[in-house]
Amino acid sequence: MFTFLHAADVHLDSPLRGLEKYEGAPVAEVRGACRRAFDNLIDLAVEEEVSFLLLAGDLFDGGWKDYNTGLYFVKCMARLRKAGIPVFIVLGNHDAESRMTKSLRLPDNVTLFSSRKSHTILLEKFAVAIHGRSYPNRKVSDNLAATFPSHEPYCFNIGLLHTSLNGRPGHEPYAPCSLDDLAARGYDYWALGHIHQAEIVCENPHIIFPGCLQGRHIREEGPGGAVLVTVRDGKVVRVDQRCLDVMRWRTCRVDLSPCETLEAVYDQVQHVLHKEMERAEGRTLAVRLVLVGECPVHDELIRQRQVVSEELRSLVVDLGEIWLEKIFFRTTSLFDRGDLFGDDSPLGDLLKKVERMDYKQENLLELVPELGKLKNKLPVSLFENEGSLLPQGEPETSEFQEDIRQILLSGLLAEGKSREN
């Protein structure tokens, strides 16, 4: 019997793009998270006395700012060498960008697979054959799996490959291949990388993405870690996903349907965040908060969104190891808009246009000229945050577009109700 660790998409010292602009963001903690998670991986390898470690691409994140990244990695590998643990690596699309990565002098317990062709390393002690091939450059559109050799008889065969497989949302289609391509090699285990969500694609043979070691932004939410594999008599008998991340990203949807006051909103959010903190088991949380539900205080939430946002951020500070990345207001009103406006009223016509209009154009006033015409007739409160409603350029995200829509509709609804009274 023997065990091995399979990890991928470490992205050591990945640069932080835009995080510094968020007030209160744990910049230093995020910056060091990938290294600390990698330390956890090395600790696990030593503690479990694994037979070897597989790194399936994107160990680094493109070009390095300096050689400190490489020196840190060499130090980690030296620790594994002392423990008698060999390491096998293929370069992925991010590694292949860096000349420094390719020129790094590696300790003698580390094998880096060539990008010129697939080749095989035999570990006679464990009757294991490891087949691998690195990326020669960032954009690999060829089916690399088809170039791998057939299985070695009387060995436990492992394929080490960075691939999009048959495609996954949000990931570039690099080194694409099918399950049939992998199965045709006759291997017992495919150690894949590139897809950042952990996935057991197949169990016969085992084809596994371990996911990224440490999430770096909200699109990499949830636990991060590696796979610990146990093999007995040439068969995989156990696959354990081990959480090694030190900081966790989560999108929390909070249903505010029962909330009739802002205090009730704060209580509900606090309740949900407490549960998320328990699941994080002591890790720092970076949370994107999405407020949803048909809510009695919808209009008040939208009109006072800035105040509510600050209250929620204050609440989070009191909770401890948690940071609010963003807050999205996605509640809806209990009121029937059709009852508030007549079809032939100026406000009714404007409301319909606000709901239908395409926010990808340059300027809201150009899209709805009536907004400018009615500006002097409507309450000042509707336009007090105009600067935030009319972006300088085209909105970058659908979330921002929806924010604009909600603010406008809430203000118009408030005006309609006040005219009724």
Protein backbone atom coordinates (compact mmCIF):
# COMPACT_ATOMS: atom_id res chain seq x y z
CA MET A 1 0.00 0.00 0.00
CA PHE A 2 1.12 3.57 -0.67
CA THR A 3 -0.35 7.09 -0.64
CA PHE A 4 0.25 10.16 -2.76
CA LEU A 5 -0.90 13.78 -2.82
CA HIS A 6 -2.37 15.44 -5.90
CA ALA A 7 -2.60 19.26 -6.03
CA ALA A 8 -2.88 21.87 -8.78
CA ASP A 9 -3.44 25.56 -9.48
CA VAL A 10 -1.46 26.87 -6.53
CA HIS A 11 -0.68 30.22 -8.21
CA LEU A 12 2.08 31.10 -5.76
CA ASP A 13 2.38 34.86 -5.15
CA SER A 14 -0.49 35.62 -7.49
CA PRO A 15 -0.81 39.41 -7.87
CA LEU A 16 -3.87 41.11 -6.36
CA ARG A 17 -5.76 42.99 -9.02
CA GLY A 18 -7.96 45.74 -7.61
CA LEU A 19 -8.32 44.40 -4.07
CA GLU A 20 -6.51 47.41 -2.62
CA LYS A 21 -9.34 49.73 -3.69
CA TYR A 22 -11.74 48.16 -1.19
CA GLU A 23 -11.70 49.85 2.20
CA GLY A 24 -10.80 47.43 4.97
CA ALA A 25 -9.77 44.65 2.57
CA PRO A 26 -7.35 42.15 4.18
CA VAL A 27 -4.75 42.80 1.50
CA ALA A 28 -1.77 41.39 3.39
CA GLU A 29 -3.69 38.26 4.36
CA VAL A 30 -4.87 37.56 0.81
CA ARG A 31 -1.40 38.25 -0.54
CA GLY A 32 0.15 35.65 1.75
CA ALA A 33 -2.70 33.12 1.60
CA CYS A 34 -1.32 31.05 -1.31
CA ARG A 35 2.01 30.58 0.44
CA ARG A 36 0.40 29.60 3.73
CA ALA A 37 -1.87 27.12 1.96
CA PHE A 38 1.19 25.68 0.19
CA ASP A 39 2.90 25.38 3.58
CA ASN A 40 -0.14 23.37 4.70
CA LEU A 41 0.30 21.10 1.67
CA ILE A 42 3.94 20.46 2.55
CA ASP A 43 2.99 19.83 6.19
CA LEU A 44 0.37 17.30 5.10
CA ALA A 45 2.80 15.48 2.81
CA VAL A 46 5.32 15.12 5.65
CA GLU A 47 2.75 14.18 8.30
CA GLU A 48 1.10 11.55 6.09
CA GLU A 49 4.48 10.26 4.91
CA VAL A 50 3.21 10.18 1.34
CA SER A 51 5.18 8.32 -1.29
CA PHE A 52 5.19 11.27 -3.68
CA LEU A 53 3.54 14.60 -4.52
CA LEU A 54 1.97 15.49 -7.90
CA LEU A 55 1.55 19.13 -8.98
CA ALA A 56 -0.66 19.33 -12.08
CA GLY A 57 0.19 22.78 -13.42
CA ASP A 58 -0.07 26.49 -12.59
CA LEU A 59 2.17 26.21 -9.57
CA PHE A 60 3.22 29.78 -10.34
CA ASP A 61 1.26 32.70 -11.74
CA GLY A 62 3.07 33.95 -14.82
CA GLY A 63 6.14 36.15 -14.44
CA TRP A 64 7.57 36.70 -10.98
CA LYS A 65 8.20 40.13 -9.51
CA ASP A 66 11.54 38.79 -8.23
CA TYR A 67 13.28 35.52 -7.38
CA ASN A 68 11.79 35.34 -3.87
CA THR A 69 8.93 33.23 -5.24
CA GLY A 70 11.32 30.68 -6.69
CA LEU A 71 13.52 30.66 -3.59
CA TYR A 72 10.48 30.02 -1.39
CA PHE A 73 9.46 27.08 -3.59
CA VAL A 74 12.96 25.57 -3.53
CA LYS A 75 12.97 25.80 0.26
CA CYS A 76 9.67 23.88 0.40
CA MET A 77 11.02 21.22 -1.95
CA ALA A 78 14.15 20.86 0.16
CA ARG A 79 11.97 20.08 3.14
CA LEU A 80 10.27 17.29 1.15
CA ARG A 81 13.67 15.98 0.02
CA LYS A 82 14.71 15.69 3.66
CA ALA A 83 11.54 13.64 4.27
CA GLY A 84 12.33 11.41 1.28
CA ILE A 85 9.35 12.58 -0.79
CA PRO A 86 9.80 13.04 -4.57
CA VAL A 87 7.76 15.65 -6.44
CA PHE A 88 6.50 15.51 -10.04
CA ILE A 89 5.40 18.65 -11.87
CA VAL A 90 3.92 19.68 -15.20
CA LEU A 91 3.75 23.31 -16.33
CA GLY A 92 0.32 24.76 -17.08
CA ASN A 93 -0.72 27.83 -19.01
CA HIS A 94 0.39 30.27 -16.29
CA ASP A 95 3.72 28.55 -15.57
CA ALA A 96 4.60 28.45 -19.26
CA GLU A 97 4.46 32.27 -19.46
CA SER A 98 7.50 32.71 -17.24
CA ARG A 99 11.09 32.31 -18.39
CA MET A 100 12.12 32.45 -14.75
CA THR A 101 10.02 29.37 -14.01
CA LYS A 102 11.73 27.40 -16.76
CA SER A 103 15.22 28.49 -15.64
CA LEU A 104 14.67 27.73 -11.95
CA ARG A 105 17.22 25.22 -10.64
CA LEU A 106 15.22 22.51 -8.87
CA PRO A 107 16.31 20.19 -6.03
CA ASP A 108 17.09 16.63 -7.12
CA ASN A 109 13.87 15.24 -5.62
CA VAL A 110 11.83 17.31 -8.14
CA THR A 111 11.04 16.14 -11.68
CA LEU A 112 9.70 18.67 -14.18
CA PHE A 113 8.15 16.99 -17.21
CA SER A 114 9.29 18.22 -20.62
CA SER A 115 7.04 20.22 -22.94
CA ARG A 116 8.54 18.70 -26.11
CA LYS A 117 6.87 15.32 -25.71
CA SER A 118 5.21 13.11 -23.14
CA HIS A 119 7.50 10.85 -21.16
CA THR A 120 7.34 8.37 -18.30
CA ILE A 121 9.02 8.12 -14.90
CA LEU A 122 9.10 4.69 -13.25
CA LEU A 123 9.07 4.37 -9.46
CA GLU A 124 10.11 0.76 -9.06
CA LYS A 125 9.75 0.80 -5.28
CA PHE A 126 5.99 1.28 -5.61
CA ALA A 127 5.50 -0.24 -9.08
CA VAL A 128 4.25 3.16 -10.30
CA ALA A 129 4.54 4.73 -13.76
CA ILE A 130 3.94 8.50 -13.95
CA HIS A 131 3.33 9.92 -17.43
CA GLY A 132 3.34 13.66 -18.01
CA ARG A 133 3.85 16.58 -20.37
CA SER A 134 4.22 20.31 -19.70
CA TYR A 135 2.87 23.23 -21.72
CA PRO A 136 5.37 24.79 -24.15
CA ASN A 137 3.47 28.10 -24.09
CA ARG A 138 0.37 29.68 -22.59
CA LYS A 139 -2.21 28.84 -25.24
CA VAL A 140 -2.16 25.12 -25.95
CA SER A 141 -5.01 24.09 -28.22
CA ASP A 142 -3.68 20.61 -29.06
CA ASN A 143 -4.96 17.43 -27.46
CA LEU A 144 -1.92 16.59 -25.33
CA ALA A 145 -3.59 13.51 -23.87
CA ALA A 146 -3.48 11.87 -27.30
CA THR A 147 0.33 12.09 -27.19
CA PHE A 148 0.68 10.18 -23.92
CA PRO A 149 2.11 6.63 -24.11
CA SER A 150 0.12 3.50 -23.40
CA HIS A 151 0.13 2.14 -19.86
CA GLU A 152 3.08 0.29 -18.42
CA PRO A 153 2.15 -3.33 -17.60
CA TYR A 154 2.36 -4.50 -13.98
CA CYS A 155 2.39 -0.87 -12.78
CA PHE A 156 -0.04 1.57 -11.25
CA ASN A 157 -0.22 4.15 -14.07
CA ILE A 158 -0.78 7.88 -13.47
CA GLY A 159 -1.31 10.58 -16.08
CA LEU A 160 -0.28 14.11 -15.02
CA LEU A 161 -1.92 16.75 -17.21
CA HIS A 162 -3.11 20.35 -17.15
CA THR A 163 -6.30 20.41 -19.24
CA SER A 164 -9.77 21.87 -19.62
CA LEU A 165 -10.93 18.34 -20.47
CA ASN A 166 -14.16 18.76 -22.48
CA GLY A 167 -14.69 22.28 -21.15
CA ARG A 168 -15.83 23.94 -17.94
CA PRO A 169 -17.51 27.38 -17.52
CA GLY A 170 -15.08 30.18 -16.74
CA HIS A 171 -11.96 28.33 -17.90
CA GLU A 172 -10.06 28.66 -21.16
CA PRO A 173 -10.25 25.53 -23.39
CA TYR A 174 -6.60 24.61 -23.12
CA ALA A 175 -5.28 21.12 -24.05
CA PRO A 176 -8.86 19.90 -24.63
CA CYS A 177 -9.59 16.18 -24.60
CA SER A 178 -12.43 13.75 -23.96
CA LEU A 179 -12.96 11.11 -21.32
CA ASP A 180 -12.49 8.52 -24.05
CA ASP A 181 -9.05 10.01 -24.85
CA LEU A 182 -8.00 9.54 -21.23
CA ALA A 183 -9.53 6.08 -20.81
CA ALA A 184 -7.80 4.90 -24.01
CA ARG A 185 -4.38 5.27 -22.33
CA GLY A 186 -5.26 2.49 -19.89
CA TYR A 187 -4.11 4.45 -16.82
CA ASP A 188 -5.39 3.90 -13.29
CA TYR A 189 -5.44 7.58 -12.23
CA TRP A 190 -5.45 10.89 -14.08
CA ALA A 191 -4.11 13.77 -11.98
CA LEU A 192 -5.55 16.84 -13.70
CA GLY A 193 -5.22 20.58 -13.17
CA HIS A 194 -6.64 23.84 -14.61
CA ILE A 195 -10.23 23.67 -13.30
CA HIS A 196 -10.39 25.51 -9.99
CA GLN A 197 -13.38 23.67 -8.54
CA ALA A 198 -12.69 20.22 -7.10
CA GLU A 199 -14.33 17.48 -9.15
CA ILE A 200 -14.20 13.71 -9.32
CA VAL A 201 -14.90 13.40 -13.03
CA CYS A 202 -14.79 9.60 -13.16
CA GLU A 203 -14.04 6.70 -10.82
CA ASN A 204 -13.20 4.01 -13.38
CA PRO A 205 -10.53 5.04 -14.04
CA HIS A 206 -10.14 7.80 -11.45
CA ILE A 207 -10.04 11.18 -13.23
CA ILE A 208 -9.82 14.03 -10.73
CA PHE A 209 -9.47 17.80 -10.54
CA PRO A 210 -8.36 18.66 -6.97
CA GLY A 211 -9.41 22.31 -7.43
CA CYS A 212 -7.23 25.28 -6.52
CA LEU A 213 -5.25 25.09 -3.30
CA GLN A 214 -6.37 28.55 -2.15
CA GLY A 215 -9.13 30.76 -3.54
CA ARG A 216 -7.89 34.21 -4.56
CA HIS A 217 -11.18 35.97 -5.35
CA ILE A 218 -14.95 35.49 -5.17
CA ARG A 219 -15.03 33.36 -8.34
CA GLU A 220 -12.93 30.81 -6.45
CA GLU A 221 -15.24 30.48 -3.49
CA GLY A 222 -15.59 27.52 -1.17
CA PRO A 223 -12.98 25.16 0.29
CA GLY A 224 -9.59 24.81 -1.38
CA GLY A 225 -7.18 21.95 -0.99
CA ALA A 226 -5.64 18.79 -2.40
CA VAL A 227 -6.46 15.10 -2.84
CA LEU A 228 -4.87 12.37 -0.73
CA VAL A 229 -5.03 9.05 -2.59
CA THR A 230 -4.51 5.59 -1.08
CA VAL A 231 -3.58 2.67 -3.36
CA ARG A 232 -3.61 -1.00 -2.37
CA ASP A 233 -2.81 -3.94 -4.65
CA GLY A 234 -2.77 -1.67 -7.69
CA LYS A 235 -6.22 -0.21 -7.00
CA VAL A 236 -7.39 3.14 -5.64
CA VAL A 237 -9.11 2.31 -2.36
CA ARG A 238 -9.58 5.80 -0.94
CA VAL A 239 -9.72 9.41 -2.16
CA ASP A 240 -9.78 12.12 0.51
CA GLN A 241 -10.27 15.80 -0.27
CA ARG A 242 -8.20 17.69 2.32
CA CYS A 243 -8.98 21.36 2.97
CA LEU A 244 -5.75 23.34 3.13
CA ASP A 245 -6.92 26.90 2.47
CA VAL A 246 -6.37 29.58 5.09
CA MET A 247 -8.88 32.13 3.79
CA ARG A 248 -12.24 31.35 2.27
CA TRP A 249 -14.45 33.25 -0.16
CA ARG A 250 -18.23 32.83 0.05
CA THR A 251 -21.32 34.27 -1.64
CA CYS A 252 -24.06 34.46 1.02
CA ARG A 253 -27.67 34.89 -0.11
CA VAL A 254 -29.78 36.21 2.77
CA ASP A 255 -33.58 35.94 2.45
CA LEU A 256 -35.15 39.07 3.96
CA SER A 257 -38.75 38.12 3.18
CA PRO A 258 -39.81 38.04 6.86
CA CYS A 259 -38.02 41.30 7.78
CA GLU A 260 -40.30 44.27 8.48
CA THR A 261 -37.66 46.61 9.91
CA LEU A 262 -34.02 47.41 9.24
CA GLU A 263 -33.14 46.01 12.66
CA ALA A 264 -34.67 42.70 11.59
CA VAL A 265 -32.52 42.87 8.45
CA TYR A 266 -29.36 43.28 10.51
CA ASP A 267 -30.35 40.39 12.79
CA GLN A 268 -31.01 38.10 9.82
CA VAL A 269 -27.69 38.94 8.19
CA GLN A 270 -25.85 38.38 11.46
CA HIS A 271 -27.51 34.97 11.87
CA VAL A 272 -26.44 33.85 8.37
CA LEU A 273 -22.88 35.12 8.81
CA HIS A 274 -22.53 33.30 12.13
CA LYS A 275 -23.35 30.03 10.35
CA GLU A 276 -20.81 30.76 7.60
CA MET A 277 -18.13 31.44 10.18
CA GLU A 278 -18.84 28.08 11.84
CA ARG A 279 -18.42 26.34 8.46
CA ALA A 280 -15.13 28.18 7.89
CA GLU A 281 -13.68 26.55 11.05
CA GLY A 282 -11.55 29.51 12.10
CA ARG A 283 -10.48 30.67 8.63
CA THR A 284 -10.83 34.30 7.64
CA LEU A 285 -13.95 34.78 5.50
CA ALA A 286 -14.31 37.14 2.56
CA VAL A 287 -18.04 37.41 1.89
CA ARG A 288 -20.13 38.72 -0.97
CA LEU A 289 -23.53 39.47 0.56
CA VAL A 290 -26.62 39.20 -1.66
CA LEU A 291 -29.86 40.41 -0.04
CA VAL A 292 -32.89 38.72 -1.62
CA GLY A 293 -36.61 38.11 -1.11
CA GLU A 294 -39.95 39.89 -1.49
CA CYS A 295 -39.31 42.25 1.34
CA PRO A 296 -41.54 44.66 3.33
CA VAL A 297 -38.58 47.04 3.74
CA HIS A 298 -37.39 46.82 0.13
CA ASP A 299 -37.92 50.49 -0.71
CA GLU A 300 -36.28 51.62 2.52
CA LEU A 301 -33.31 49.36 1.84
CA ILE A 302 -32.81 50.82 -1.61
CA ARG A 303 -33.28 54.45 -0.57
CA GLN A 304 -30.91 54.05 2.39
CA ARG A 305 -28.53 51.59 0.80
CA GLN A 306 -25.46 53.60 1.80
CA VAL A 307 -26.52 53.73 5.45
CA VAL A 308 -27.50 50.05 5.42
CA SER A 309 -24.18 49.12 3.81
CA GLU A 310 -22.22 50.95 6.51
CA GLU A 311 -24.30 49.34 9.25
CA LEU A 312 -23.64 45.89 7.81
CA ARG A 313 -19.92 46.55 7.54
CA SER A 314 -19.92 47.72 11.17
CA LEU A 315 -21.75 44.54 12.15
CA VAL A 316 -19.13 42.44 10.39
CA VAL A 317 -16.28 44.19 12.21
CA ASP A 318 -17.86 43.10 15.50
CA LEU A 319 -18.06 39.48 14.31
CA GLY A 320 -14.30 39.12 13.91
CA GLU A 321 -12.40 37.30 11.14
CA ILE A 322 -14.69 38.28 8.29
CA TRP A 323 -14.67 40.92 5.53
CA LEU A 324 -17.48 42.07 3.25
CA GLU A 325 -16.22 42.13 -0.32
CA LYS A 326 -19.46 43.55 -1.78
CA ILE A 327 -23.13 43.94 -0.89
CA PHE A 328 -25.82 43.47 -3.53
CA PHE A 329 -29.39 44.60 -2.93
CA ARG A 330 -31.62 42.14 -4.82
CA THR A 331 -34.83 42.29 -2.81
CA THR A 332 -38.17 43.07 -4.47
CA SER A 333 -41.14 45.16 -3.35
CA LEU A 334 -44.40 43.81 -1.99
CA PHE A 335 -46.29 46.50 -3.88
CA ASP A 336 -47.88 45.92 -7.27
CA ARG A 337 -46.35 48.53 -9.53
CA GLY A 338 -49.31 48.36 -11.85
CA ASP A 339 -51.57 49.66 -9.14
CA LEU A 340 -49.36 52.64 -8.41
CA PHE A 341 -49.16 54.11 -11.90
CA GLY A 342 -51.68 54.50 -14.65
CA ASP A 343 -50.68 53.33 -18.11
CA ASP A 344 -51.00 56.82 -19.53
CA SER A 345 -49.25 58.75 -16.74
CA PRO A 346 -45.73 60.16 -17.27
CA LEU A 347 -44.43 58.23 -14.28
CA GLY A 348 -46.09 55.02 -15.43
CA ASP A 349 -44.54 55.35 -18.88
CA LEU A 350 -41.14 56.11 -17.35
CA LEU A 351 -41.37 53.12 -15.03
CA LYS A 352 -41.92 50.80 -17.98
CA LYS A 353 -38.92 52.25 -19.79
CA VAL A 354 -36.70 51.87 -16.74
CA GLU A 355 -37.64 48.20 -16.51
CA ARG A 356 -37.05 47.58 -20.23
CA MET A 357 -34.06 49.71 -21.05
CA ASP A 358 -30.61 48.46 -21.99
CA TYR A 359 -28.05 49.72 -19.47
CA LYS A 360 -25.12 48.90 -21.73
CA GLN A 361 -25.47 52.23 -23.49
CA GLU A 362 -23.51 55.32 -22.53
CA ASN A 363 -25.89 57.42 -20.49
CA LEU A 364 -29.17 56.86 -18.70
CA LEU A 365 -30.43 60.34 -19.59
CA GLU A 366 -29.92 59.56 -23.27
CA LEU A 367 -31.85 56.32 -22.90
CA VAL A 368 -34.76 57.93 -21.07
CA PRO A 369 -35.06 61.62 -22.00
CA GLU A 370 -38.13 61.84 -19.78
CA LEU A 371 -35.87 61.34 -16.76
CA GLY A 372 -34.27 64.70 -17.44
CA LYS A 373 -37.61 66.36 -18.19
CA LEU A 374 -39.14 65.08 -14.97
CA LYS A 375 -36.11 65.83 -12.85
CA ASN A 376 -37.39 69.22 -11.73
CA LYS A 377 -40.84 67.80 -10.96
CA LEU A 378 -39.67 64.87 -8.85
CA PRO A 379 -38.39 64.98 -5.26
CA VAL A 380 -34.75 65.89 -4.77
CA SER A 381 -34.21 62.64 -2.86
CA LEU A 382 -34.65 60.66 -6.07
CA PHE A 383 -31.57 62.30 -7.57
CA GLU A 384 -29.42 62.90 -4.51
CA ASN A 385 -27.13 60.03 -5.51
CA GLU A 386 -27.13 60.86 -9.21
CA GLY A 387 -23.37 60.63 -9.39
CA SER A 388 -23.57 56.94 -8.63
CA LEU A 389 -26.35 56.38 -11.16
CA LEU A 390 -24.65 57.87 -14.18
CA PRO A 391 -21.27 56.15 -14.62
CA GLN A 392 -18.54 57.83 -16.61
CA GLY A 393 -18.31 54.90 -18.99
CA GLU A 394 -20.20 51.79 -19.84
CA PRO A 395 -21.12 49.73 -16.75
CA GLU A 396 -18.71 46.86 -16.35
CA THR A 397 -21.00 44.27 -14.82
CA SER A 398 -24.61 43.14 -14.89
CA GLU A 399 -24.64 43.53 -11.10
CA PHE A 400 -23.96 47.24 -11.41
CA GLN A 401 -26.64 47.55 -14.07
CA GLU A 402 -29.14 45.90 -11.73
CA ASP A 403 -28.14 48.29 -8.94
CA ILE A 404 -29.01 51.21 -11.21
CA ARG A 405 -32.35 49.66 -12.07
CA GLN A 406 -33.29 49.06 -8.44
CA ILE A 407 -32.38 52.58 -7.31
CA LEU A 408 -34.43 54.18 -10.07
CA LEU A 409 -37.45 51.94 -9.56
CA SER A 410 -37.42 52.47 -5.81
CA GLY A 411 -37.33 56.22 -6.21
CA LEU A 412 -40.15 56.19 -8.75
CA LEU A 413 -42.26 53.93 -6.58
CA ALA A 414 -41.77 56.23 -3.62
CA GLU A 415 -42.88 59.18 -5.77
CA GLY A 416 -45.93 57.29 -6.99
CA LYS A 417 -47.05 56.40 -3.47
CA SER A 418 -46.56 59.97 -2.22
CA ARG A 419 -48.73 61.31 -5.09
CA GLU A 420 -51.44 58.80 -4.22
CA ASN A 421 -51.49 60.14 -0.68
